[in-house]
PDB file of N, CA and C in Angstrom:
ATOM      1  N   MET A   1       0.827  -1.193   0.000  1.00  0.00           N
ATOM      2  CA  MET A   1       0.000   0.000   0.000  1.00  0.00           C
ATOM      3  C   MET A   1       0.875   1.263   0.000  1.00  0.00           C
ATOM      4  N   VAL A   2       1.996   1.198   0.699  1.00  0.00           N
ATOM      5  CA  VAL A   2       2.890   2.352   0.758  1.00  0.00           C
ATOM      6  C   VAL A   2       3.515   2.596  -0.610  1.00  0.00           C
ATOM      7  N   ALA A   3       3.857   1.523  -1.317  1.00  0.00           N
ATOM      8  CA  ALA A   3       4.466   1.666  -2.641  1.00  0.00           C
ATOM      9  C   ALA A   3       3.498   2.334  -3.615  1.00  0.00           C
ATOM     10  N   ILE A   4       2.236   1.976  -3.552  1.00  0.00           N
ATOM     11  CA  ILE A   4       1.242   2.580  -4.439  1.00  0.00           C
ATOM     12  C   ILE A   4       1.058   4.052  -4.086  1.00  0.00           C
ATOM     13  N   SER A   5       1.080   4.366  -2.809  1.00  0.00           N
ATOM     14  CA  SER A   5       0.956   5.770  -2.397  1.00  0.00           C
ATOM     15  C   SER A   5       2.133   6.596  -2.895  1.00  0.00           C
ATOM     16  N   ILE A   6       3.321   6.030  -2.850  1.00  0.00           N
ATOM     17  CA  ILE A   6       4.499   6.743  -3.355  1.00  0.00           C
ATOM     18  C   ILE A   6       4.395   6.933  -4.866  1.00  0.00           C
ATOM     19  N   LEU A   7       3.935   5.904  -5.582  1.00  0.00           N
ATOM     20  CA  LEU A   7       3.743   6.031  -7.029  1.00  0.00           C
ATOM     21  C   LEU A   7       2.708   7.099  -7.360  1.00  0.00           C
ATOM     22  N   ILE A   8       1.647   7.171  -6.578  1.00  0.00           N
ATOM     23  CA  ILE A   8       0.611   8.191  -6.797  1.00  0.00           C
ATOM     24  C   ILE A   8       1.207   9.582  -6.612  1.00  0.00           C
ATOM     25  N   LEU A   9       2.022   9.767  -5.591  1.00  0.00           N
ATOM     26  CA  LEU A   9       2.648  11.071  -5.367  1.00  0.00           C
ATOM     27  C   LEU A   9       3.594  11.455  -6.506  1.00  0.00           C
ATOM     28  N   ILE A  10       4.355  10.484  -7.003  1.00  0.00           N
ATOM     29  CA  ILE A  10       5.273  10.759  -8.110  1.00  0.00           C
ATOM     30  C   ILE A  10       4.499  11.134  -9.369  1.00  0.00           C
ATOM     31  N   VAL A  11       3.429  10.389  -9.666  1.00  0.00           N
ATOM     32  CA  VAL A  11       2.624  10.680 -10.857  1.00  0.00           C
ATOM     33  C   VAL A  11       1.955  12.048 -10.713  1.00  0.00           C
ATOM     34  N   CYS A  12       1.487  12.390  -9.525  1.00  0.00           N
ATOM     35  CA  CYS A  12       0.872  13.706  -9.310  1.00  0.00           C
ATOM     36  C   CYS A  12       1.883  14.823  -9.541  1.00  0.00           C
ATOM     37  N   PHE A  13       3.092  14.640  -9.044  1.00  0.00           N
ATOM     38  CA  PHE A  13       4.137  15.648  -9.227  1.00  0.00           C
ATOM     39  C   PHE A  13       4.464  15.818 -10.713  1.00  0.00           C
ATOM     40  N   LEU A  14       4.630  14.707 -11.428  1.00  0.00           N
ATOM     41  CA  LEU A  14       4.941  14.782 -12.861  1.00  0.00           C
ATOM     42  C   LEU A  14       3.790  15.403 -13.650  1.00  0.00           C
ATOM     43  N   LEU A  15       2.562  15.057 -13.276  1.00  0.00           N
ATOM     44  CA  LEU A  15       1.405  15.616 -13.964  1.00  0.00           C
ATOM     45  C   LEU A  15       1.320  17.125 -13.741  1.00  0.00           C
ATOM     46  N   ALA A  16       1.618  17.567 -12.541  1.00  0.00           N
ATOM     47  CA  ALA A  16       1.616  19.008 -12.277  1.00  0.00           C
ATOM     48  C   ALA A  16       2.676  19.715 -13.106  1.00  0.00           C
ATOM     49  N   LEU A  17       3.861  19.118 -13.220  1.00  0.00           N
ATOM     50  CA  LEU A  17       4.916  19.729 -14.023  1.00  0.00           C
ATOM     51  C   LEU A  17       4.532  19.810 -15.502  1.00  0.00           C
ATOM     52  N   VAL A  18       3.947  18.741 -16.020  1.00  0.00           N
ATOM     53  CA  VAL A  18       3.568  18.722 -17.438  1.00  0.00           C
ATOM     54  C   VAL A  18       2.458  19.730 -17.698  1.00  0.00           C
ATOM     55  N   VAL A  19       1.490  19.819 -16.801  1.00  0.00           N
ATOM     56  CA  VAL A  19       0.394  20.767 -17.005  1.00  0.00           C
ATOM     57  C   VAL A  19       0.894  22.203 -16.903  1.00  0.00           C
ATOM     58  N   LEU A  20       1.805  22.466 -15.972  1.00  0.00           N
ATOM     59  CA  LEU A  20       2.336  23.817 -15.852  1.00  0.00           C
ATOM     60  C   LEU A  20       3.226  24.194 -17.036  1.00  0.00           C
ATOM     61  N   ALA A  21       3.821  23.220 -17.702  1.00  0.00           N
ATOM     62  CA  ALA A  21       4.652  23.510 -18.867  1.00  0.00           C
ATOM     63  C   ALA A  21       3.816  23.885 -20.075  1.00  0.00           C
ATOM     64  N   GLN A  22       2.549  23.519 -20.071  1.00  0.00           N
ATOM     65  CA  GLN A  22       1.671  23.827 -21.195  1.00  0.00           C
ATOM     66  C   GLN A  22       1.085  25.223 -21.031  1.00  0.00           C
ATOM     67  N   ASN A  23       0.682  25.786 -22.145  1.00  0.00           N
ATOM     68  CA  ASN A  23      -0.023  27.056 -22.140  1.00  0.00           C
ATOM     69  C   ASN A  23      -1.276  26.870 -22.974  1.00  0.00           C
ATOM     70  N   PRO A  24      -2.435  27.247 -22.483  1.00  0.00           N
ATOM     71  CA  PRO A  24      -3.667  26.997 -23.240  1.00  0.00           C
ATOM     72  C   PRO A  24      -3.720  27.729 -24.579  1.00  0.00           C
ATOM     73  N   LYS A  25      -2.920  28.759 -24.758  1.00  0.00           N
ATOM     74  CA  LYS A  25      -2.944  29.500 -26.018  1.00  0.00           C
ATOM     75  C   LYS A  25      -1.828  29.080 -26.962  1.00  0.00           C
ATOM     76  N   GLY A  26      -1.150  27.986 -26.659  1.00  0.00           N
ATOM     77  CA  GLY A  26      -0.131  27.487 -27.563  1.00  0.00           C
ATOM     78  C   GLY A  26       1.274  27.915 -27.210  1.00  0.00           C
ATOM     79  N   GLY A  27       1.440  28.654 -26.137  1.00  0.00           N
ATOM     80  CA  GLY A  27       2.771  29.096 -25.741  1.00  0.00           C
ATOM     81  C   GLY A  27       3.422  28.053 -24.859  1.00  0.00           C
ATOM     82  N   GLY A  28       3.703  28.384 -23.633  1.00  0.00           N
ATOM     83  CA  GLY A  28       4.287  27.455 -22.682  1.00  0.00           C
ATOM     84  C   GLY A  28       5.699  27.063 -23.058  1.00  0.00           C
ATOM     85  N   LEU A  29       6.054  25.855 -22.789  1.00  0.00           N
ATOM     86  CA  LEU A  29       7.383  25.350 -23.091  1.00  0.00           C
ATOM     87  C   LEU A  29       7.625  25.330 -24.595  1.00  0.00           C
ATOM     88  N   ALA A  30       6.570  25.095 -25.362  1.00  0.00           N
ATOM     89  CA  ALA A  30       6.701  25.021 -26.806  1.00  0.00           C
ATOM     90  C   ALA A  30       7.055  26.376 -27.424  1.00  0.00           C
ATOM     91  N   ALA A  31       6.788  27.479 -26.738  1.00  0.00           N
ATOM     92  CA  ALA A  31       7.066  28.804 -27.288  1.00  0.00           C
ATOM     93  C   ALA A  31       8.564  29.089 -27.338  1.00  0.00           C
ATOM     94  N   GLY A  32       9.363  28.355 -26.609  1.00  0.00           N
ATOM     95  CA  GLY A  32      10.800  28.561 -26.620  1.00  0.00           C
ATOM     96  C   GLY A  32      11.457  28.140 -27.913  1.00  0.00           C
ATOM     97  N   PHE A  33      10.810  27.331 -28.700  1.00  0.00           N
ATOM     98  CA  PHE A  33      11.355  26.872 -29.979  1.00  0.00           C
ATOM     99  C   PHE A  33      10.865  27.814 -31.075  1.00  0.00           C
ATOM    100  N   THR A  34      11.797  28.496 -31.720  1.00  0.00           N
ATOM    101  CA  THR A  34      11.387  29.502 -32.703  1.00  0.00           C
ATOM    102  C   THR A  34      11.210  28.939 -34.100  1.00  0.00           C
ATOM    103  N   GLY A  35      12.006  27.977 -34.484  1.00  0.00           N
ATOM    104  CA  GLY A  35      11.913  27.453 -35.833  1.00  0.00           C
ATOM    105  C   GLY A  35      10.943  26.297 -35.931  1.00  0.00           C
ATOM    106  N   ALA A  36      10.007  26.394 -36.881  1.00  0.00           N
ATOM    107  CA  ALA A  36       9.041  25.313 -37.053  1.00  0.00           C
ATOM    108  C   ALA A  36       9.663  24.121 -37.757  1.00  0.00           C
ATOM    109  N   GLN A  37      10.820  24.319 -38.386  1.00  0.00           N
ATOM    110  CA  GLN A  37      11.464  23.233 -39.109  1.00  0.00           C
ATOM    111  C   GLN A  37      12.383  22.406 -38.226  1.00  0.00           C
ATOM    112  N   GLN A  38      12.537  22.771 -36.975  1.00  0.00           N
ATOM    113  CA  GLN A  38      13.405  22.033 -36.076  1.00  0.00           C
ATOM    114  C   GLN A  38      12.851  20.645 -35.804  1.00  0.00           C
ATOM    115  N   ILE A  39      13.760  19.718 -35.539  1.00  0.00           N
ATOM    116  CA  ILE A  39      13.320  18.402 -35.087  1.00  0.00           C
ATOM    117  C   ILE A  39      12.879  18.564 -33.638  1.00  0.00           C
ATOM    118  N   GLY A  40      11.691  18.126 -33.319  1.00  0.00           N
ATOM    119  CA  GLY A  40      11.146  18.344 -31.985  1.00  0.00           C
ATOM    120  C   GLY A  40      10.741  19.791 -31.801  1.00  0.00           C
ATOM    121  N   GLY A  41      10.200  20.412 -32.834  1.00  0.00           N
ATOM    122  CA  GLY A  41       9.820  21.817 -32.787  1.00  0.00           C
ATOM    123  C   GLY A  41       8.575  22.056 -31.967  1.00  0.00           C
ATOM    124  N   VAL A  42       7.933  23.168 -32.244  1.00  0.00           N
ATOM    125  CA  VAL A  42       6.794  23.617 -31.443  1.00  0.00           C
ATOM    126  C   VAL A  42       5.666  22.602 -31.465  1.00  0.00           C
ATOM    127  N   GLN A  43       5.282  22.155 -32.630  1.00  0.00           N
ATOM    128  CA  GLN A  43       4.141  21.251 -32.723  1.00  0.00           C
ATOM    129  C   GLN A  43       4.434  19.916 -32.059  1.00  0.00           C
ATOM    130  N   ARG A  44       5.637  19.407 -32.255  1.00  0.00           N
ATOM    131  CA  ARG A  44       5.978  18.116 -31.656  1.00  0.00           C
ATOM    132  C   ARG A  44       6.069  18.217 -30.143  1.00  0.00           C
ATOM    133  N   THR A  45       6.556  19.351 -29.639  1.00  0.00           N
ATOM    134  CA  THR A  45       6.631  19.538 -28.194  1.00  0.00           C
ATOM    135  C   THR A  45       5.233  19.620 -27.602  1.00  0.00           C
ATOM    136  N   ALA A  46       4.351  20.351 -28.270  1.00  0.00           N
ATOM    137  CA  ALA A  46       2.973  20.461 -27.785  1.00  0.00           C
ATOM    138  C   ALA A  46       2.283  19.098 -27.810  1.00  0.00           C
ATOM    139  N   ASP A  47       2.519  18.320 -28.866  1.00  0.00           N
ATOM    140  CA  ASP A  47       1.929  16.982 -28.942  1.00  0.00           C
ATOM    141  C   ASP A  47       2.465  16.084 -27.834  1.00  0.00           C
ATOM    142  N   PHE A  48       3.777  16.168 -27.593  1.00  0.00           N
ATOM    143  CA  PHE A  48       4.366  15.359 -26.541  1.00  0.00           C
ATOM    144  C   PHE A  48       3.797  15.724 -25.173  1.00  0.00           C
ATOM    145  N   LEU A  49       3.665  17.009 -24.901  1.00  0.00           N
ATOM    146  CA  LEU A  49       3.127  17.440 -23.604  1.00  0.00           C
ATOM    147  C   LEU A  49       1.671  17.011 -23.442  1.00  0.00           C
ATOM    148  N   GLU A  50       0.897  17.082 -24.520  1.00  0.00           N
ATOM    149  CA  GLU A  50      -0.503  16.676 -24.436  1.00  0.00           C
ATOM    150  C   GLU A  50      -0.626  15.168 -24.214  1.00  0.00           C
ATOM    151  N   LYS A  51       0.153  14.393 -24.958  1.00  0.00           N
ATOM    152  CA  LYS A  51       0.105  12.938 -24.796  1.00  0.00           C
ATOM    153  C   LYS A  51       0.596  12.513 -23.425  1.00  0.00           C
ATOM    154  N   SER A  52       1.634  13.181 -22.935  1.00  0.00           N
ATOM    155  CA  SER A  52       2.149  12.811 -21.612  1.00  0.00           C
ATOM    156  C   SER A  52       1.168  13.201 -20.510  1.00  0.00           C
ATOM    157  N   SER A  53       0.454  14.307 -20.670  1.00  0.00           N
ATOM    158  CA  SER A  53      -0.526  14.676 -19.646  1.00  0.00           C
ATOM    159  C   SER A  53      -1.687  13.690 -19.622  1.00  0.00           C
ATOM    160  N   TRP A  54      -2.142  13.236 -20.789  1.00  0.00           N
ATOM    161  CA  TRP A  54      -3.212  12.233 -20.828  1.00  0.00           C
ATOM    162  C   TRP A  54      -2.738  10.902 -20.236  1.00  0.00           C
ATOM    163  N   THR A  55      -1.514  10.521 -20.571  1.00  0.00           N
ATOM    164  CA  THR A  55      -0.975   9.261 -20.055  1.00  0.00           C
ATOM    165  C   THR A  55      -0.835   9.307 -18.538  1.00  0.00           C
ATOM    166  N   LEU A  56      -0.322  10.411 -18.023  1.00  0.00           N
ATOM    167  CA  LEU A  56      -0.170  10.534 -16.566  1.00  0.00           C
ATOM    168  C   LEU A  56      -1.521  10.605 -15.861  1.00  0.00           C
ATOM    169  N   ALA A  57      -2.508  11.242 -16.484  1.00  0.00           N
ATOM    170  CA  ALA A  57      -3.842  11.307 -15.884  1.00  0.00           C
ATOM    171  C   ALA A  57      -4.478   9.921 -15.809  1.00  0.00           C
ATOM    172  N   VAL A  58      -4.331   9.143 -16.871  1.00  0.00           N
ATOM    173  CA  VAL A  58      -4.872   7.775 -16.865  1.00  0.00           C
ATOM    174  C   VAL A  58      -4.131   6.916 -15.848  1.00  0.00           C
ATOM    175  N   ALA A  59      -2.818   7.069 -15.773  1.00  0.00           N
ATOM    176  CA  ALA A  59      -2.034   6.316 -14.797  1.00  0.00           C
ATOM    177  C   ALA A  59      -2.452   6.666 -13.372  1.00  0.00           C
ATOM    178  N   LEU A  60      -2.737   7.938 -13.128  1.00  0.00           N
ATOM    179  CA  LEU A  60      -3.187   8.359 -11.797  1.00  0.00           C
ATOM    180  C   LEU A  60      -4.535   7.740 -11.451  1.00  0.00           C
ATOM    181  N   MET A  61      -5.460   7.709 -12.412  1.00  0.00           N
ATOM    182  CA  MET A  61      -6.766   7.104 -12.159  1.00  0.00           C
ATOM    183  C   MET A  61      -6.633   5.614 -11.881  1.00  0.00           C
ATOM    184  N   VAL A  62      -5.809   4.929 -12.645  1.00  0.00           N
ATOM    185  CA  VAL A  62      -5.625   3.489 -12.452  1.00  0.00           C
ATOM    186  C   VAL A  62      -4.988   3.212 -11.087  1.00  0.00           C
ATOM    187  N   LEU A  63      -3.980   3.993 -10.721  1.00  0.00           N
ATOM    188  CA  LEU A  63      -3.341   3.798  -9.417  1.00  0.00           C
ATOM    189  C   LEU A  63      -4.307   4.071  -8.270  1.00  0.00           C
ATOM    190  N   CYS A  64      -5.160   5.066  -8.427  1.00  0.00           N
ATOM    191  CA  CYS A  64      -6.155   5.347  -7.384  1.00  0.00           C
ATOM    192  C   CYS A  64      -7.170   4.216  -7.267  1.00  0.00           C
ATOM    193  N   LEU A  65      -7.580   3.652  -8.393  1.00  0.00           N
ATOM    194  CA  LEU A  65      -8.502   2.514  -8.348  1.00  0.00           C
ATOM    195  C   LEU A  65      -7.845   1.299  -7.700  1.00  0.00           C
ATOM    196  N   ILE A  66      -6.592   1.059  -8.008  1.00  0.00           N
ATOM    197  CA  ILE A  66      -5.873  -0.053  -7.387  1.00  0.00           C
ATOM    198  C   ILE A  66      -5.736   0.165  -5.890  1.00  0.00           C
ATOM    199  N   ALA A  67      -5.404   1.394  -5.502  1.00  0.00           N
ATOM    200  CA  ALA A  67      -5.226   1.695  -4.080  1.00  0.00           C
ATOM    201  C   ALA A  67      -6.533   1.548  -3.308  1.00  0.00           C
ATOM    202  N   SER A  68      -7.647   1.891  -3.932  1.00  0.00           N
ATOM    203  CA  SER A  68      -8.924   1.773  -3.230  1.00  0.00           C
ATOM    204  C   SER A  68      -9.425   0.333  -3.171  1.00  0.00           C
ATOM    205  N   SER A  69      -8.960  -0.513  -4.086  1.00  0.00           N
ATOM    206  CA  SER A  69      -9.428  -1.899  -4.090  1.00  0.00           C
ATOM    207  C   SER A  69      -8.613  -2.801  -3.167  1.00  0.00           C
ATOM    208  N   ILE A  70      -7.418  -2.352  -2.788  1.00  0.00           N
ATOM    209  CA  ILE A  70      -6.590  -3.157  -1.899  1.00  0.00           C
ATOM    210  C   ILE A  70      -7.063  -2.976  -0.470  1.00  0.00           C
ATOM    211  N   LYS A  71      -7.326  -4.091   0.180  1.00  0.00           N
ATOM    212  CA  LYS A  71      -7.759  -4.036   1.569  1.00  0.00           C
ATOM    213  C   LYS A  71      -6.523  -3.945   2.457  1.00  0.00           C
ATOM    214  N   PRO A  72      -6.433  -2.898   3.269  1.00  0.00           N
ATOM    215  CA  PRO A  72      -5.249  -2.788   4.131  1.00  0.00           C
ATOM    216  C   PRO A  72      -5.252  -3.869   5.201  1.00  0.00           C
ATOM    217  N   GLU A  73      -4.055  -4.277   5.567  1.00  0.00           N
ATOM    218  CA  GLU A  73      -3.935  -5.289   6.606  1.00  0.00           C
ATOM    219  C   GLU A  73      -4.329  -4.695   7.947  1.00  0.00           C
ATOM    220  N   ALA A  74      -4.917  -5.511   8.790  1.00  0.00           N
ATOM    221  CA  ALA A  74      -5.344  -5.041  10.105  1.00  0.00           C
ATOM    222  C   ALA A  74      -4.107  -4.798  10.968  1.00  0.00           C
ATOM    223  N   SER A  75      -4.000  -3.619  11.461  1.00  0.00           N
ATOM    224  CA  SER A  75      -2.868  -3.305  12.324  1.00  0.00           C
ATOM    225  C   SER A  75      -3.233  -3.624  13.769  1.00  0.00           C
ATOM    226  N   ASP A  76      -2.252  -3.558  14.620  1.00  0.00           N
ATOM    227  CA  ASP A  76      -2.495  -3.836  16.028  1.00  0.00           C
ATOM    228  C   ASP A  76      -3.454  -2.821  16.627  1.00  0.00           C
ATOM    229  N   LEU A  77      -3.327  -1.573  16.226  1.00  0.00           N
ATOM    230  CA  LEU A  77      -4.193  -0.539  16.758  1.00  0.00           C
ATOM    231  C   LEU A  77      -5.638  -0.776  16.345  1.00  0.00           C
ATOM    232  N   ALA A  78      -5.839  -1.153  15.098  1.00  0.00           N
ATOM    233  CA  ALA A  78      -7.196  -1.395  14.628  1.00  0.00           C
ATOM    234  C   ALA A  78      -7.808  -2.590  15.345  1.00  0.00           C
ATOM    235  N   SER A  79      -7.020  -3.629  15.601  1.00  0.00           N
ATOM    236  CA  SER A  79      -7.569  -4.785  16.308  1.00  0.00           C
ATOM    237  C   SER A  79      -7.860  -4.439  17.760  1.00  0.00           C
ATOM    238  N   GLU A  80      -7.075  -3.538  18.341  1.00  0.00           N
ATOM    239  CA  GLU A  80      -7.358  -3.106  19.700  1.00  0.00           C
ATOM    240  C   GLU A  80      -8.623  -2.264  19.759  1.00  0.00           C
ATOM    241  N   LEU A  81      -8.848  -1.469  18.736  1.00  0.00           N
ATOM    242  CA  LEU A  81     -10.048  -0.639  18.726  1.00  0.00           C
ATOM    243  C   LEU A  81     -11.306  -1.475  18.526  1.00  0.00           C
ATOM    244  N   ASP A  82     -11.197  -2.558  17.782  1.00  0.00           N
ATOM    245  CA  ASP A  82     -12.348  -3.416  17.537  1.00  0.00           C
ATOM    246  C   ASP A  82     -12.666  -4.316  18.722  1.00  0.00           C
ATOM    247  N   ALA A  83     -11.679  -4.636  19.533  1.00  0.00           N
ATOM    248  CA  ALA A  83     -11.890  -5.534  20.668  1.00  0.00           C
ATOM    249  C   ALA A  83     -12.635  -4.788  21.778  1.00  0.00           C
ATOM    250  N   PRO A  84     -13.526  -5.494  22.475  1.00  0.00           N
ATOM    251  CA  PRO A  84     -14.230  -4.826  23.575  1.00  0.00           C
ATOM    252  C   PRO A  84     -13.259  -4.526  24.727  1.00  0.00           C
ATOM    253  N   ALA A  85     -13.502  -3.420  25.369  1.00  0.00           N
ATOM    254  CA  ALA A  85     -12.645  -3.017  26.478  1.00  0.00           C
ATOM    255  C   ALA A  85     -12.935  -3.901  27.695  1.00  0.00           C
ATOM    256  N   PRO A  86     -11.898  -4.294  28.426  1.00  0.00           N
ATOM    257  CA  PRO A  86     -12.143  -5.100  29.622  1.00  0.00           C
ATOM    258  C   PRO A  86     -12.827  -4.254  30.694  1.00  0.00           C
ATOM    259  N   LEU A  87     -13.684  -4.909  31.438  1.00  0.00           N
ATOM    260  CA  LEU A  87     -14.383  -4.208  32.511  1.00  0.00           C
ATOM    261  C   LEU A  87     -13.442  -4.033  33.690  1.00  0.00           C
ATOM    262  N   SER A  88     -13.372  -2.837  34.158  1.00  0.00           N
ATOM    263  CA  SER A  88     -12.511  -2.586  35.304  1.00  0.00           C
ATOM    264  C   SER A  88     -13.380  -2.217  36.499  1.00  0.00           C
ATOM    265  N   PRO A  89     -12.950  -2.598  37.685  1.00  0.00           N
ATOM    266  CA  PRO A  89     -13.750  -2.235  38.860  1.00  0.00           C
ATOM    267  C   PRO A  89     -13.722  -0.724  39.045  1.00  0.00           C
ATOM    268  N   ARG A  90     -14.863  -0.181  39.345  1.00  0.00           N
ATOM    269  CA  ARG A  90     -14.970   1.253  39.521  1.00  0.00           C
ATOM    270  C   ARG A  90     -15.089   1.569  41.005  1.00  0.00           C
ATOM    271  N   ALA A  91     -14.514   2.669  41.343  1.00  0.00           N
ATOM    272  CA  ALA A  91     -14.624   3.107  42.743  1.00  0.00           C
ATOM    273  C   ALA A  91     -16.056   3.561  42.995  1.00  0.00           C
ATOM    274  N   PRO A  92     -16.564   3.280  44.169  1.00  0.00           N
ATOM    275  CA  PRO A  92     -17.941   3.718  44.470  1.00  0.00           C
ATOM    276  C   PRO A  92     -18.005   5.236  44.503  1.00  0.00           C
ATOM    277  N   TRP A  93     -19.131   5.707  44.118  1.00  0.00           N
ATOM    278  CA  TRP A  93     -19.323   7.138  44.067  1.00  0.00           C
ATOM    279  C   TRP A  93     -19.551   7.649  45.474  1.00  0.00           C
ATOM    280  N   THR A  94     -18.751   8.618  45.844  1.00  0.00           N
ATOM    281  CA  THR A  94     -18.908   9.192  47.192  1.00  0.00           C
ATOM    282  C   THR A  94     -19.090  10.689  47.076  1.00  0.00           C
ATOM    283  N   ARG A  95     -19.762  11.229  48.077  1.00  0.00           N
ATOM    284  CA  ARG A  95     -19.989  12.663  48.106  1.00  0.00           C
ATOM    285  C   ARG A  95     -18.963  13.314  49.006  1.00  0.00           C
ATOM    286  N   ALA A  96     -18.571  14.494  48.604  1.00  0.00           N
ATOM    287  CA  ALA A  96     -17.657  15.254  49.449  1.00  0.00           C
ATOM    288  C   ALA A  96     -18.434  15.841  50.643  1.00  0.00           C
ATOM    289  N   PRO A  97     -17.854  15.873  51.844  1.00  0.00           N
ATOM    290  CA  PRO A  97     -18.603  16.387  53.013  1.00  0.00           C
ATOM    291  C   PRO A  97     -18.788  17.869  52.985  1.00  0.00           C
TER     292      PRO A  97
END
């Protein structure tokens, strides 16, 4: 369960970076490339960022579904909380004079 949680955090971090690198108006990281004839130019960078954001979003959904379907092992604390408390003798109630 801890490994899946760590993977979820890594995917969330990468997804945030990819989304922040994009610009809704076509700028973003892709705006740094001036020549359209370059290998890996503006259009290819925008396509890569879009595909990677979709891939990371799907990976995040799948990891969340896996994490929710795994039943965590019962810990000692949880078993103590489920067990009935032992009855302890109580002191008789007395009034102060």
